[in-house]
Amino acid sequence: VTNGGKTTLAEKLKKILPNCDIISQDDFFKPESEVETDQRGFKLYDVLDALYMDEMVKSIRSRMNSLASLCVLTEESQTTCINPKNTEDVYILIVEGFLLYNYEPLNELWDRRYFLTLPYEECKRRRRKDYSPADTPGYFDGHVWPMYLKYKNELEENASNVVYLDGTKPQEELLSCVYNDIIQELKKQRE
């Protein structure tokens, strides 16, 4: 959900998880001139077509491949490749965004999925307070919220293994929940 705390949570996780990096879906928006406009004059940013999703997939795969084949030069001038699953050096890539689980080519890449939710009134309040540039009148109700509901319904019908998080909970509580879950997942992968 927009203004649910995705970026804040990802950045806090990066600070406390070793060898962690973030890719943000916001970095893959098309320029305004390439984003469709509906009959009301609203730019349709809350749809997959507003993003360079193929480029995002390439970027994620590239980062994953570079981490999976991480090689180091030893003192004996030999190249040694590290398999993170076999060492204490585990590399974590957090991908954060609002339409990640509705794009089929990404679905095979996730080890864990988290989905932040907010009730309508809280989401609208945060969006009015924190979103820049400010929405034009009617944009939230006419485009943003309906698209959120559409994609959330698609997610609920098609995706499995999603951990839903209440975005109204304190940030530290959400951080603790996700951090502990990631640590448990890392323990399982090392076994």
Protein backbone atom coordinates (compact mmCIF):
# COMPACT_ATOMS: atom_id res chain seq x y z
CA VAL A 1 0.00 0.00 0.00
CA THR A 2 1.17 3.52 -0.68
CA ASN A 3 2.69 5.21 2.37
CA GLY A 4 2.60 1.92 4.29
CA GLY A 5 6.24 2.06 5.42
CA LYS A 6 7.89 -0.17 2.80
CA THR A 7 10.94 2.00 2.19
CA THR A 8 11.38 2.84 5.87
CA LEU A 9 11.25 -0.84 6.82
CA ALA A 10 13.70 -1.82 4.07
CA GLU A 11 16.18 0.88 5.08
CA LYS A 12 16.00 -0.11 8.75
CA LEU A 13 16.57 -3.76 7.85
CA LYS A 14 19.58 -2.80 5.75
CA LYS A 15 21.12 -1.10 8.78
CA ILE A 16 20.83 -4.18 11.01
CA LEU A 17 21.35 -7.05 8.56
CA PRO A 18 24.91 -7.77 7.46
CA ASN A 19 25.69 -7.87 3.74
CA CYS A 20 22.32 -6.40 2.80
CA ASP A 21 21.31 -4.27 -0.16
CA ILE A 22 18.04 -2.81 -1.46
CA ILE A 23 16.45 -2.43 -4.87
CA SER A 24 13.49 -0.05 -4.93
CA GLN A 25 10.69 -0.32 -7.46
CA ASP A 26 10.37 3.47 -7.37
CA ASP A 27 13.65 3.65 -9.30
CA PHE A 28 11.95 2.02 -12.30
CA PHE A 29 9.13 4.48 -12.98
CA LYS A 30 8.84 5.62 -16.56
CA PRO A 31 9.17 9.35 -17.22
CA GLU A 32 5.92 11.30 -16.91
CA SER A 33 5.70 11.64 -20.71
CA GLU A 34 5.45 7.83 -21.03
CA VAL A 35 2.80 7.33 -18.32
CA GLU A 36 -0.77 7.03 -19.58
CA THR A 37 -3.43 9.55 -18.62
CA ASP A 38 -7.05 8.51 -18.07
CA GLN A 39 -10.19 10.37 -19.21
CA ARG A 40 -10.19 12.41 -15.95
CA GLY A 41 -6.66 13.65 -16.63
CA PHE A 42 -5.07 11.45 -13.93
CA LYS A 43 -1.59 10.08 -14.64
CA LEU A 44 -1.83 6.32 -14.11
CA TYR A 45 1.22 5.69 -11.94
CA ASP A 46 -0.29 2.89 -9.85
CA VAL A 47 -0.22 0.31 -12.64
CA LEU A 48 2.49 -2.01 -13.93
CA ASP A 49 2.61 -0.18 -17.28
CA ALA A 50 3.95 2.92 -15.50
CA LEU A 51 7.13 1.02 -14.63
CA TYR A 52 10.06 -0.48 -16.54
CA MET A 53 9.37 -3.90 -15.02
CA ASP A 54 11.60 -5.84 -17.44
CA GLU A 55 14.49 -3.58 -16.45
CA MET A 56 13.71 -4.18 -12.79
CA VAL A 57 13.79 -7.96 -13.30
CA LYS A 58 17.13 -7.66 -15.10
CA SER A 59 18.53 -5.54 -12.29
CA ILE A 60 17.38 -8.00 -9.62
CA ARG A 61 18.72 -11.01 -11.52
CA SER A 62 22.02 -9.25 -12.13
CA ARG A 63 22.40 -8.40 -8.45
CA MET A 64 21.45 -11.94 -7.42
CA ASN A 65 23.90 -13.45 -9.91
CA SER A 66 26.73 -11.21 -8.80
CA LEU A 67 26.11 -12.20 -5.18
CA ALA A 68 25.75 -15.89 -5.99
CA SER A 69 29.03 -15.96 -7.87
CA LEU A 70 30.95 -13.69 -5.55
CA CYS A 71 34.61 -14.47 -5.89
CA VAL A 72 37.55 -13.34 -3.83
CA LEU A 73 41.25 -13.34 -4.58
CA THR A 74 43.15 -15.25 -1.93
CA GLU A 75 46.71 -14.57 -0.77
CA GLU A 76 47.86 -17.51 -2.84
CA SER A 77 46.61 -15.64 -5.96
CA GLN A 78 43.88 -18.16 -6.48
CA THR A 79 40.30 -17.20 -7.10
CA THR A 80 37.87 -18.71 -4.64
CA CYS A 81 34.14 -18.53 -5.20
CA ILE A 82 31.95 -18.21 -2.18
CA ASN A 83 28.60 -19.94 -2.00
CA PRO A 84 26.73 -17.91 0.62
CA LYS A 85 24.63 -20.91 1.65
CA ASN A 86 27.78 -22.75 2.70
CA THR A 87 29.39 -19.95 4.66
CA GLU A 88 28.58 -17.44 7.32
CA ASP A 89 28.71 -14.79 4.60
CA VAL A 90 25.08 -14.65 3.52
CA TYR A 91 24.04 -11.85 1.19
CA ILE A 92 20.54 -10.43 1.44
CA LEU A 93 18.79 -8.49 -1.30
CA ILE A 94 15.65 -6.64 -0.26
CA VAL A 95 13.38 -5.61 -3.10
CA GLU A 96 10.74 -3.09 -2.06
CA GLY A 97 7.83 -1.71 -4.00
CA PHE A 98 4.09 -1.60 -4.38
CA LEU A 99 3.50 -3.94 -7.36
CA LEU A 100 6.09 -6.65 -6.86
CA TYR A 101 3.89 -9.71 -6.48
CA ASN A 102 1.61 -8.92 -9.42
CA TYR A 103 4.34 -9.24 -12.01
CA GLU A 104 4.77 -12.90 -12.91
CA PRO A 105 8.48 -12.85 -13.91
CA LEU A 106 9.38 -11.74 -10.37
CA ASN A 107 7.40 -14.41 -8.56
CA GLU A 108 10.03 -17.12 -8.94
CA LEU A 109 12.69 -14.95 -7.31
CA TRP A 110 11.31 -14.42 -3.81
CA ASP A 111 12.51 -16.33 -0.76
CA ARG A 112 10.19 -14.32 1.51
CA ARG A 113 7.24 -12.02 0.79
CA TYR A 114 5.91 -9.27 3.03
CA PHE A 115 2.90 -7.11 2.26
CA LEU A 116 2.15 -3.99 4.31
CA THR A 117 -1.50 -3.03 4.62
CA LEU A 118 -3.29 0.08 5.84
CA PRO A 119 -6.97 0.88 6.24
CA TYR A 120 -8.37 3.43 3.79
CA GLU A 121 -8.55 6.39 6.19
CA GLU A 122 -5.01 5.94 7.53
CA CYS A 123 -3.60 5.51 4.04
CA LYS A 124 -5.35 8.64 2.81
CA ARG A 125 -4.20 10.61 5.87
CA ARG A 126 -0.55 9.56 5.36
CA ARG A 127 -0.70 10.23 1.65
CA ARG A 128 -2.03 13.77 2.22
CA LYS A 129 0.60 14.43 4.89
CA ASP A 130 3.72 12.77 3.45
CA TYR A 131 3.37 12.37 -0.31
CA SER A 132 5.31 14.69 -2.59
CA PRO A 133 4.24 16.03 -4.96
CA ALA A 134 0.76 16.31 -3.48
CA ASP A 135 -2.05 14.46 -5.25
CA THR A 136 -4.43 16.42 -7.42
CA PRO A 137 -7.98 16.53 -6.04
CA GLY A 138 -9.73 13.18 -6.47
CA TYR A 139 -6.58 11.28 -7.47
CA PHE A 140 -6.36 9.14 -4.32
CA ASP A 141 -10.00 8.06 -4.44
CA GLY A 142 -10.20 7.91 -8.22
CA HIS A 143 -6.99 6.05 -8.97
CA VAL A 144 -4.62 5.24 -6.11
CA TRP A 145 -6.96 3.41 -3.73
CA PRO A 146 -8.90 1.50 -6.44
CA MET A 147 -5.61 0.26 -7.95
CA TYR A 148 -4.36 -0.81 -4.52
CA LEU A 149 -7.54 -2.83 -3.96
CA LYS A 150 -7.36 -4.34 -7.45
CA TYR A 151 -3.76 -5.50 -7.08
CA LYS A 152 -4.27 -6.64 -3.48
CA ASN A 153 -7.20 -8.81 -4.59
CA GLU A 154 -5.07 -10.28 -7.41
CA LEU A 155 -2.32 -11.00 -4.90
CA GLU A 156 -4.70 -12.72 -2.50
CA GLU A 157 -6.06 -14.90 -5.34
CA ASN A 158 -2.73 -15.86 -6.90
CA ALA A 159 0.18 -15.60 -4.49
CA SER A 160 1.12 -17.90 -1.67
CA ASN A 161 3.50 -17.56 1.25
CA VAL A 162 2.80 -13.87 1.77
CA VAL A 163 3.20 -12.46 5.26
CA TYR A 164 0.71 -9.62 5.72
CA LEU A 165 1.87 -6.85 8.03
CA ASP A 166 -0.34 -4.22 9.62
CA GLY A 167 1.20 -0.88 8.63
CA THR A 168 -0.50 0.83 11.59
CA LYS A 169 1.74 -1.06 14.01
CA PRO A 170 4.78 0.78 15.41
CA GLN A 171 7.78 0.71 13.06
CA GLU A 172 9.96 -1.04 15.63
CA GLU A 173 7.39 -3.83 16.00
CA LEU A 174 7.28 -4.37 12.24
CA LEU A 175 11.07 -4.28 12.08
CA SER A 176 11.38 -6.87 14.84
CA CYS A 177 8.83 -9.15 13.19
CA VAL A 178 10.49 -9.11 9.77
CA TYR A 179 14.02 -9.23 11.14
CA ASN A 180 13.23 -12.32 13.25
CA ASP A 181 11.55 -13.97 10.28
CA ILE A 182 14.59 -13.33 8.07
CA ILE A 183 16.93 -14.73 10.72
CA GLN A 184 14.80 -17.89 10.93
CA GLU A 185 14.86 -18.22 7.13
CA LEU A 186 18.65 -17.84 7.10
CA LYS A 187 18.96 -20.58 9.74
CA LYS A 188 16.84 -22.91 7.58
CA GLN A 189 18.95 -22.18 4.48
CA ARG A 190 22.18 -22.96 6.34
CA GLU A 191 20.92 -26.38 7.45
